């Protein structure tokens, strides 16, 4: 992942993964966060970044109900995230 210094490549990879949320794991998120940080620190306009982040957070928020119906630790984490979203969004 650290070899993807080209923001266009990073964006494409993240877009593909965002469309396949069922394969995203905590380990994958740990690898992707530095890429996302790099993209956010790029010269992209701040307002545009905020709008894009908001859109993605809304997508995550809409996906949470299906996660809360699963069994195991994912349910607890999804419920905690849902509560955090209620405070922010």
PDB file of N, CA and C in Angstrom:
ATOM      1  N   UNK A   1       0.808  -1.194   0.000  1.00  0.00           N
ATOM      2  CA  UNK A   1       0.000   0.000   0.000  1.00  0.00           C
ATOM      3  C   UNK A   1       0.856   1.266   0.000  1.00  0.00           C
ATOM      4  N   UNK A   2       2.007   1.213   0.685  1.00  0.00           N
ATOM      5  CA  UNK A   2       2.827   2.425   0.740  1.00  0.00           C
ATOM      6  C   UNK A   2       3.433   2.788  -0.600  1.00  0.00           C
ATOM      7  N   UNK A   3       3.391   1.876  -1.567  1.00  0.00           N
ATOM      8  CA  UNK A   3       3.924   2.163  -2.893  1.00  0.00           C
ATOM      9  C   UNK A   3       2.944   2.961  -3.739  1.00  0.00           C
ATOM     10  N   UNK A   4       1.730   3.133  -3.254  1.00  0.00           N
ATOM     11  CA  UNK A   4       0.735   3.870  -4.023  1.00  0.00           C
ATOM     12  C   UNK A   4       0.822   5.355  -3.700  1.00  0.00           C
ATOM     13  N   UNK A   5       1.878   5.989  -4.163  1.00  0.00           N
ATOM     14  CA  UNK A   5       2.054   7.408  -3.872  1.00  0.00           C
ATOM     15  C   UNK A   5       1.254   8.289  -4.826  1.00  0.00           C
ATOM     16  N   UNK A   6       0.821   7.737  -5.927  1.00  0.00           N
ATOM     17  CA  UNK A   6       0.005   8.489  -6.877  1.00  0.00           C
ATOM     18  C   UNK A   6      -1.418   8.576  -6.328  1.00  0.00           C
ATOM     19  N   UNK A   7      -1.895   9.798  -6.115  1.00  0.00           N
ATOM     20  CA  UNK A   7      -3.217   9.981  -5.529  1.00  0.00           C
ATOM     21  C   UNK A   7      -4.327   9.416  -6.404  1.00  0.00           C
ATOM     22  N   UNK A   8      -4.153   9.442  -7.695  1.00  0.00           N
ATOM     23  CA  UNK A   8      -5.180   8.898  -8.590  1.00  0.00           C
ATOM     24  C   UNK A   8      -5.320   7.393  -8.387  1.00  0.00           C
ATOM     25  N   UNK A   9      -4.204   6.703  -8.247  1.00  0.00           N
ATOM     26  CA  UNK A   9      -4.236   5.253  -8.022  1.00  0.00           C
ATOM     27  C   UNK A   9      -4.865   4.949  -6.664  1.00  0.00           C
ATOM     28  N   UNK A  10      -4.448   5.693  -5.648  1.00  0.00           N
ATOM     29  CA  UNK A  10      -5.010   5.500  -4.306  1.00  0.00           C
ATOM     30  C   UNK A  10      -6.517   5.713  -4.313  1.00  0.00           C
ATOM     31  N   UNK A  11      -6.954   6.754  -4.986  1.00  0.00           N
ATOM     32  CA  UNK A  11      -8.378   7.060  -5.055  1.00  0.00           C
ATOM     33  C   UNK A  11      -9.138   5.945  -5.755  1.00  0.00           C
ATOM     34  N   UNK A  12      -8.583   5.426  -6.833  1.00  0.00           N
ATOM     35  CA  UNK A  12      -9.242   4.327  -7.558  1.00  0.00           C
ATOM     36  C   UNK A  12      -9.367   3.086  -6.685  1.00  0.00           C
ATOM     37  N   UNK A  13      -8.294   2.745  -5.975  1.00  0.00           N
ATOM     38  CA  UNK A  13      -8.317   1.566  -5.109  1.00  0.00           C
ATOM     39  C   UNK A  13      -9.349   1.734  -3.998  1.00  0.00           C
ATOM     40  N   UNK A  14      -9.357   2.901  -3.377  1.00  0.00           N
ATOM     41  CA  UNK A  14     -10.303   3.155  -2.295  1.00  0.00           C
ATOM     42  C   UNK A  14     -11.738   3.148  -2.823  1.00  0.00           C
ATOM     43  N   UNK A  15     -11.956   3.667  -4.020  1.00  0.00           N
ATOM     44  CA  UNK A  15     -13.299   3.653  -4.616  1.00  0.00           C
ATOM     45  C   UNK A  15     -13.790   2.233  -4.844  1.00  0.00           C
ATOM     46  N   UNK A  16     -12.918   1.378  -5.325  1.00  0.00           N
ATOM     47  CA  UNK A  16     -13.294  -0.025  -5.556  1.00  0.00           C
ATOM     48  C   UNK A  16     -13.634  -0.692  -4.224  1.00  0.00           C
ATOM     49  N   UNK A  17     -12.806  -0.454  -3.217  1.00  0.00           N
ATOM     50  CA  UNK A  17     -13.052  -1.059  -1.909  1.00  0.00           C
ATOM     51  C   UNK A  17     -14.328  -0.521  -1.268  1.00  0.00           C
ATOM     52  N   UNK A  18     -14.597   0.753  -1.473  1.00  0.00           N
ATOM     53  CA  UNK A  18     -15.817   1.347  -0.902  1.00  0.00           C
ATOM     54  C   UNK A  18     -17.067   0.710  -1.497  1.00  0.00           C
ATOM     55  N   UNK A  19     -16.967   0.257  -2.730  1.00  0.00           N
ATOM     56  CA  UNK A  19     -18.105  -0.395  -3.370  1.00  0.00           C
ATOM     57  C   UNK A  19     -18.275  -1.834  -2.884  1.00  0.00           C
ATOM     58  N   UNK A  20     -17.263  -2.363  -2.210  1.00  0.00           N
ATOM     59  CA  UNK A  20     -17.306  -3.748  -1.725  1.00  0.00           C
ATOM     60  C   UNK A  20     -17.115  -3.754  -0.207  1.00  0.00           C
ATOM     61  N   UNK A  21     -18.024  -3.091   0.496  1.00  0.00           N
ATOM     62  CA  UNK A  21     -17.882  -2.924   1.940  1.00  0.00           C
ATOM     63  C   UNK A  21     -17.835  -4.253   2.699  1.00  0.00           C
ATOM     64  N   UNK A  22     -18.346  -5.316   2.110  1.00  0.00           N
ATOM     65  CA  UNK A  22     -18.355  -6.606   2.796  1.00  0.00           C
ATOM     66  C   UNK A  22     -16.962  -7.217   2.927  1.00  0.00           C
ATOM     67  N   UNK A  23     -15.976  -6.722   2.175  1.00  0.00           N
ATOM     68  CA  UNK A  23     -14.623  -7.273   2.280  1.00  0.00           C
ATOM     69  C   UNK A  23     -13.700  -6.408   3.136  1.00  0.00           C
ATOM     70  N   UNK A  24     -14.199  -5.271   3.598  1.00  0.00           N
ATOM     71  CA  UNK A  24     -13.358  -4.370   4.381  1.00  0.00           C
ATOM     72  C   UNK A  24     -13.243  -4.894   5.807  1.00  0.00           C
ATOM     73  N   UNK A  25     -12.012  -5.039   6.251  1.00  0.00           N
ATOM     74  CA  UNK A  25     -11.728  -5.511   7.604  1.00  0.00           C
ATOM     75  C   UNK A  25     -10.983  -4.424   8.362  1.00  0.00           C
ATOM     76  N   UNK A  26     -10.823  -4.641   9.655  1.00  0.00           N
ATOM     77  CA  UNK A  26     -10.076  -3.693  10.466  1.00  0.00           C
ATOM     78  C   UNK A  26      -8.623  -3.605   9.994  1.00  0.00           C
ATOM     79  N   UNK A  27      -8.041  -4.729   9.620  1.00  0.00           N
ATOM     80  CA  UNK A  27      -6.670  -4.725   9.104  1.00  0.00           C
ATOM     81  C   UNK A  27      -6.558  -3.904   7.830  1.00  0.00           C
ATOM     82  N   UNK A  28      -7.530  -4.049   6.960  1.00  0.00           N
ATOM     83  CA  UNK A  28      -7.533  -3.288   5.710  1.00  0.00           C
ATOM     84  C   UNK A  28      -7.680  -1.799   6.000  1.00  0.00           C
ATOM     85  N   UNK A  29      -8.556  -1.467   6.940  1.00  0.00           N
ATOM     86  CA  UNK A  29      -8.724  -0.054   7.320  1.00  0.00           C
ATOM     87  C   UNK A  29      -7.421   0.524   7.849  1.00  0.00           C
ATOM     88  N   UNK A  30      -6.702  -0.263   8.628  1.00  0.00           N
ATOM     89  CA  UNK A  30      -5.422   0.187   9.162  1.00  0.00           C
ATOM     90  C   UNK A  30      -4.437   0.505   8.043  1.00  0.00           C
ATOM     91  N   UNK A  31      -4.481  -0.265   6.980  1.00  0.00           N
ATOM     92  CA  UNK A  31      -3.615  -0.001   5.831  1.00  0.00           C
ATOM     93  C   UNK A  31      -4.083   1.201   5.023  1.00  0.00           C
ATOM     94  N   UNK A  32      -5.391   1.380   4.957  1.00  0.00           N
ATOM     95  CA  UNK A  32      -5.946   2.446   4.126  1.00  0.00           C
ATOM     96  C   UNK A  32      -5.888   3.825   4.780  1.00  0.00           C
ATOM     97  N   UNK A  33      -5.918   3.878   6.097  1.00  0.00           N
ATOM     98  CA  UNK A  33      -5.944   5.176   6.764  1.00  0.00           C
ATOM     99  C   UNK A  33      -4.773   6.079   6.386  1.00  0.00           C
ATOM    100  N   UNK A  34      -3.543   5.583   6.297  1.00  0.00           N
ATOM    101  CA  UNK A  34      -2.461   6.470   5.846  1.00  0.00           C
ATOM    102  C   UNK A  34      -2.680   7.005   4.430  1.00  0.00           C
ATOM    103  N   UNK A  35      -3.249   6.172   3.558  1.00  0.00           N
ATOM    104  CA  UNK A  35      -3.558   6.631   2.201  1.00  0.00           C
ATOM    105  C   UNK A  35      -4.616   7.718   2.222  1.00  0.00           C
ATOM    106  N   UNK A  36      -5.640   7.508   3.030  1.00  0.00           N
ATOM    107  CA  UNK A  36      -6.702   8.501   3.139  1.00  0.00           C
ATOM    108  C   UNK A  36      -6.165   9.812   3.702  1.00  0.00           C
ATOM    109  N   UNK A  37      -5.303   9.703   4.699  1.00  0.00           N
ATOM    110  CA  UNK A  37      -4.692  10.903   5.277  1.00  0.00           C
ATOM    111  C   UNK A  37      -3.884  11.647   4.233  1.00  0.00           C
ATOM    112  N   UNK A  38      -3.126  10.912   3.460  1.00  0.00           N
ATOM    113  CA  UNK A  38      -2.333  11.524   2.391  1.00  0.00           C
ATOM    114  C   UNK A  38      -3.222  12.236   1.379  1.00  0.00           C
ATOM    115  N   UNK A  39      -4.324  11.584   1.029  1.00  0.00           N
ATOM    116  CA  UNK A  39      -5.248  12.207   0.080  1.00  0.00           C
ATOM    117  C   UNK A  39      -5.863  13.478   0.662  1.00  0.00           C
ATOM    118  N   UNK A  40      -6.222  13.414   1.932  1.00  0.00           N
ATOM    119  CA  UNK A  40      -6.837  14.579   2.562  1.00  0.00           C
ATOM    120  C   UNK A  40      -5.856  15.735   2.731  1.00  0.00           C
ATOM    121  N   UNK A  41      -4.576  15.417   2.860  1.00  0.00           N
ATOM    122  CA  UNK A  41      -3.572  16.461   3.008  1.00  0.00           C
ATOM    123  C   UNK A  41      -3.089  16.999   1.665  1.00  0.00           C
ATOM    124  N   UNK A  42      -3.592  16.438   0.588  1.00  0.00           N
ATOM    125  CA  UNK A  42      -3.194  16.915  -0.734  1.00  0.00           C
ATOM    126  C   UNK A  42      -3.763  18.302  -0.984  1.00  0.00           C
ATOM    127  N   UNK A  43      -3.526  18.838  -2.120  1.00  0.00           N
ATOM    128  CA  UNK A  43      -3.927  20.205  -2.432  1.00  0.00           C
ATOM    129  C   UNK A  43      -5.403  20.349  -2.811  1.00  0.00           C
ATOM    130  N   UNK A  44      -6.165  19.300  -2.601  1.00  0.00           N
ATOM    131  CA  UNK A  44      -7.595  19.349  -2.903  1.00  0.00           C
ATOM    132  C   UNK A  44      -8.268  20.428  -2.048  1.00  0.00           C
ATOM    133  N   UNK A  45      -9.199  21.106  -2.615  1.00  0.00           N
ATOM    134  CA  UNK A  45      -9.912  22.176  -1.901  1.00  0.00           C
ATOM    135  C   UNK A  45     -10.563  21.638  -0.623  1.00  0.00           C
ATOM    136  N   UNK A  46     -10.405  22.358   0.481  1.00  0.00           N
ATOM    137  CA  UNK A  46     -10.909  21.907   1.783  1.00  0.00           C
ATOM    138  C   UNK A  46     -12.425  21.703   1.785  1.00  0.00           C
ATOM    139  N   UNK A  47     -13.168  22.601   1.195  1.00  0.00           N
ATOM    140  CA  UNK A  47     -14.618  22.456   1.163  1.00  0.00           C
ATOM    141  C   UNK A  47     -15.025  21.192   0.416  1.00  0.00           C
ATOM    142  N   UNK A  48     -14.366  20.947  -0.689  1.00  0.00           N
ATOM    143  CA  UNK A  48     -14.670  19.732  -1.453  1.00  0.00           C
ATOM    144  C   UNK A  48     -14.368  18.485  -0.623  1.00  0.00           C
ATOM    145  N   UNK A  49     -13.258  18.511   0.085  1.00  0.00           N
ATOM    146  CA  UNK A  49     -12.916  17.370   0.935  1.00  0.00           C
ATOM    147  C   UNK A  49     -13.969  17.153   2.005  1.00  0.00           C
ATOM    148  N   UNK A  50     -14.408  18.249   2.630  1.00  0.00           N
ATOM    149  CA  UNK A  50     -15.435  18.133   3.669  1.00  0.00           C
ATOM    150  C   UNK A  50     -16.720  17.552   3.104  1.00  0.00           C
ATOM    151  N   UNK A  51     -17.105  18.002   1.931  1.00  0.00           N
ATOM    152  CA  UNK A  51     -18.321  17.480   1.295  1.00  0.00           C
ATOM    153  C   UNK A  51     -18.181  15.997   0.969  1.00  0.00           C
ATOM    154  N   UNK A  52     -17.039  15.614   0.457  1.00  0.00           N
ATOM    155  CA  UNK A  52     -16.807  14.207   0.137  1.00  0.00           C
ATOM    156  C   UNK A  52     -16.820  13.345   1.401  1.00  0.00           C
ATOM    157  N   UNK A  53     -16.195  13.842   2.451  1.00  0.00           N
ATOM    158  CA  UNK A  53     -16.194  13.103   3.721  1.00  0.00           C
ATOM    159  C   UNK A  53     -17.606  12.946   4.250  1.00  0.00           C
ATOM    160  N   UNK A  54     -18.384  14.008   4.184  1.00  0.00           N
ATOM    161  CA  UNK A  54     -19.755  13.954   4.660  1.00  0.00           C
ATOM    162  C   UNK A  54     -20.562  12.920   3.882  1.00  0.00           C
ATOM    163  N   UNK A  55     -20.397  12.901   2.577  1.00  0.00           N
ATOM    164  CA  UNK A  55     -21.106  11.932   1.736  1.00  0.00           C
ATOM    165  C   UNK A  55     -20.729  10.507   2.127  1.00  0.00           C
ATOM    166  N   UNK A  56     -19.434  10.269   2.340  1.00  0.00           N
ATOM    167  CA  UNK A  56     -18.986   8.925   2.713  1.00  0.00           C
ATOM    168  C   UNK A  56     -19.477   8.541   4.108  1.00  0.00           C
ATOM    169  N   UNK A  57     -19.477   9.488   5.027  1.00  0.00           N
ATOM    170  CA  UNK A  57     -19.989   9.202   6.365  1.00  0.00           C
ATOM    171  C   UNK A  57     -21.475   8.880   6.328  1.00  0.00           C
ATOM    172  N   UNK A  58     -22.212   9.552   5.465  1.00  0.00           N
ATOM    173  CA  UNK A  58     -23.630   9.246   5.298  1.00  0.00           C
ATOM    174  C   UNK A  58     -23.821   7.826   4.756  1.00  0.00           C
ATOM    175  N   UNK A  59     -22.945   7.403   3.855  1.00  0.00           N
ATOM    176  CA  UNK A  59     -23.021   6.038   3.332  1.00  0.00           C
ATOM    177  C   UNK A  59     -22.781   5.024   4.444  1.00  0.00           C
ATOM    178  N   UNK A  60     -21.772   5.304   5.266  1.00  0.00           N
ATOM    179  CA  UNK A  60     -21.476   4.411   6.390  1.00  0.00           C
ATOM    180  C   UNK A  60     -22.674   4.361   7.334  1.00  0.00           C
ATOM    181  N   UNK A  61     -23.244   5.513   7.618  1.00  0.00           N
ATOM    182  CA  UNK A  61     -24.397   5.597   8.517  1.00  0.00           C
ATOM    183  C   UNK A  61     -25.566   4.750   7.990  1.00  0.00           C
ATOM    184  N   UNK A  62     -25.796   4.792   6.690  1.00  0.00           N
ATOM    185  CA  UNK A  62     -26.883   3.999   6.093  1.00  0.00           C
ATOM    186  C   UNK A  62     -26.603   2.500   6.148  1.00  0.00           C
ATOM    187  N   UNK A  63     -25.326   2.115   6.172  1.00  0.00           N
ATOM    188  CA  UNK A  63     -24.951   0.705   6.179  1.00  0.00           C
ATOM    189  C   UNK A  63     -25.006   0.103   7.589  1.00  0.00           C
ATOM    190  N   UNK A  64     -24.969   0.935   8.612  1.00  0.00           N
ATOM    191  CA  UNK A  64     -24.912   0.460   9.993  1.00  0.00           C
ATOM    192  C   UNK A  64     -26.078  -0.443  10.401  1.00  0.00           C
ATOM    193  N   UNK A  65     -27.320  -0.153  10.010  1.00  0.00           N
ATOM    194  CA  UNK A  65     -28.410  -1.046  10.440  1.00  0.00           C
ATOM    195  C   UNK A  65     -28.191  -2.512  10.050  1.00  0.00           C
ATOM    196  N   UNK A  66     -27.631  -2.763   8.882  1.00  0.00           N
ATOM    197  CA  UNK A  66     -27.388  -4.155   8.491  1.00  0.00           C
ATOM    198  C   UNK A  66     -26.297  -4.786   9.354  1.00  0.00           C
ATOM    199  N   UNK A  67     -25.352  -3.989   9.818  1.00  0.00           N
ATOM    200  CA  UNK A  67     -24.300  -4.518  10.694  1.00  0.00           C
ATOM    201  C   UNK A  67     -24.826  -4.805  12.093  1.00  0.00           C
ATOM    202  N   UNK A  68     -25.769  -4.019  12.551  1.00  0.00           N
ATOM    203  CA  UNK A  68     -26.298  -4.233  13.902  1.00  0.00           C
ATOM    204  C   UNK A  68     -27.173  -5.484  13.980  1.00  0.00           C
ATOM    205  N   UNK A  69     -27.572  -6.012  12.844  1.00  0.00           N
ATOM    206  CA  UNK A  69     -28.369  -7.248  12.829  1.00  0.00           C
ATOM    207  C   UNK A  69     -27.491  -8.498  12.812  1.00  0.00           C
ATOM    208  N   UNK A  70     -26.199  -8.318  12.642  1.00  0.00           N
ATOM    209  CA  UNK A  70     -25.291  -9.472  12.646  1.00  0.00           C
ATOM    210  C   UNK A  70     -24.990  -9.883  14.079  1.00  0.00           C
ATOM    211  N   UNK A  71     -24.320 -10.991  14.214  1.00  0.00           N
ATOM    212  CA  UNK A  71     -23.939 -11.468  15.541  1.00  0.00           C
ATOM    213  C   UNK A  71     -22.457 -11.213  15.761  1.00  0.00           C
ATOM    214  N   UNK A  72     -22.061 -11.151  17.022  1.00  0.00           N
ATOM    215  CA  UNK A  72     -20.660 -11.017  17.367  1.00  0.00           C
ATOM    216  C   UNK A  72     -20.249  -9.599  17.696  1.00  0.00           C
ATOM    217  N   UNK A  73     -18.947  -9.397  17.722  1.00  0.00           N
ATOM    218  CA  UNK A  73     -18.405  -8.104  18.149  1.00  0.00           C
ATOM    219  C   UNK A  73     -18.705  -6.987  17.156  1.00  0.00           C
ATOM    220  N   UNK A  74     -18.949  -7.329  15.899  1.00  0.00           N
ATOM    221  CA  UNK A  74     -19.258  -6.308  14.899  1.00  0.00           C
ATOM    222  C   UNK A  74     -20.528  -5.556  15.270  1.00  0.00           C
ATOM    223  N   UNK A  75     -21.475  -6.252  15.897  1.00  0.00           N
ATOM    224  CA  UNK A  75     -22.734  -5.620  16.293  1.00  0.00           C
ATOM    225  C   UNK A  75     -22.493  -4.535  17.326  1.00  0.00           C
ATOM    226  N   UNK A  76     -21.688  -4.848  18.322  1.00  0.00           N
ATOM    227  CA  UNK A  76     -21.402  -3.864  19.377  1.00  0.00           C
ATOM    228  C   UNK A  76     -20.684  -2.651  18.788  1.00  0.00           C
ATOM    229  N   UNK A  77     -19.712  -2.892  17.937  1.00  0.00           N
ATOM    230  CA  UNK A  77     -18.972  -1.798  17.316  1.00  0.00           C
ATOM    231  C   UNK A  77     -19.893  -0.951  16.441  1.00  0.00           C
ATOM    232  N   UNK A  78     -20.760  -1.592  15.685  1.00  0.00           N
ATOM    233  CA  UNK A  78     -21.703  -0.863  14.826  1.00  0.00           C
ATOM    234  C   UNK A  78     -22.656  -0.019  15.664  1.00  0.00           C
ATOM    235  N   UNK A  79     -23.111  -0.547  16.800  1.00  0.00           N
ATOM    236  CA  UNK A  79     -23.999   0.208  17.676  1.00  0.00           C
ATOM    237  C   UNK A  79     -23.286   1.426  18.261  1.00  0.00           C
ATOM    238  N   UNK A  80     -22.021   1.249  18.663  1.00  0.00           N
ATOM    239  CA  UNK A  80     -21.242   2.366  19.193  1.00  0.00           C
ATOM    240  C   UNK A  80     -21.041   3.436  18.123  1.00  0.00           C
ATOM    241  N   UNK A  81     -20.761   3.002  16.907  1.00  0.00           N
ATOM    242  CA  UNK A  81     -20.582   3.945  15.810  1.00  0.00           C
ATOM    243  C   UNK A  81     -21.890   4.669  15.496  1.00  0.00           C
ATOM    244  N   UNK A  82     -22.991   3.949  15.578  1.00  0.00           N
ATOM    245  CA  UNK A  82     -24.300   4.565  15.351  1.00  0.00           C
ATOM    246  C   UNK A  82     -24.564   5.664  16.378  1.00  0.00           C
ATOM    247  N   UNK A  83     -24.227   5.410  17.626  1.00  0.00           N
ATOM    248  CA  UNK A  83     -24.388   6.420  18.677  1.00  0.00           C
ATOM    249  C   UNK A  83     -23.491   7.624  18.417  1.00  0.00           C
ATOM    250  N   UNK A  84     -22.277   7.370  17.973  1.00  0.00           N
ATOM    251  CA  UNK A  84     -21.347   8.473  17.676  1.00  0.00           C
ATOM    252  C   UNK A  84     -21.893   9.312  16.522  1.00  0.00           C
ATOM    253  N   UNK A  85     -22.453   8.664  15.508  1.00  0.00           N
ATOM    254  CA  UNK A  85     -23.037   9.396  14.390  1.00  0.00           C
ATOM    255  C   UNK A  85     -24.221  10.249  14.832  1.00  0.00           C
ATOM    256  N   UNK A  86     -25.009   9.751  15.770  1.00  0.00           N
ATOM    257  CA  UNK A  86     -26.143  10.524  16.256  1.00  0.00           C
ATOM    258  C   UNK A  86     -25.682  11.838  16.896  1.00  0.00           C
ATOM    259  N   UNK A  87     -24.515  11.809  17.531  1.00  0.00           N
ATOM    260  CA  UNK A  87     -23.995  13.010  18.155  1.00  0.00           C
ATOM    261  C   UNK A  87     -23.416  13.993  17.147  1.00  0.00           C
ATOM    262  N   UNK A  88     -22.918  13.471  16.027  1.00  0.00           N
ATOM    263  CA  UNK A  88     -22.209  14.315  15.059  1.00  0.00           C
ATOM    264  C   UNK A  88     -23.060  14.698  13.865  1.00  0.00           C
ATOM    265  N   UNK A  89     -23.743  13.739  13.267  1.00  0.00           N
ATOM    266  CA  UNK A  89     -24.485  13.985  12.026  1.00  0.00           C
ATOM    267  C   UNK A  89     -25.930  14.308  12.273  1.00  0.00           C
TER     268      UNK A  89
END
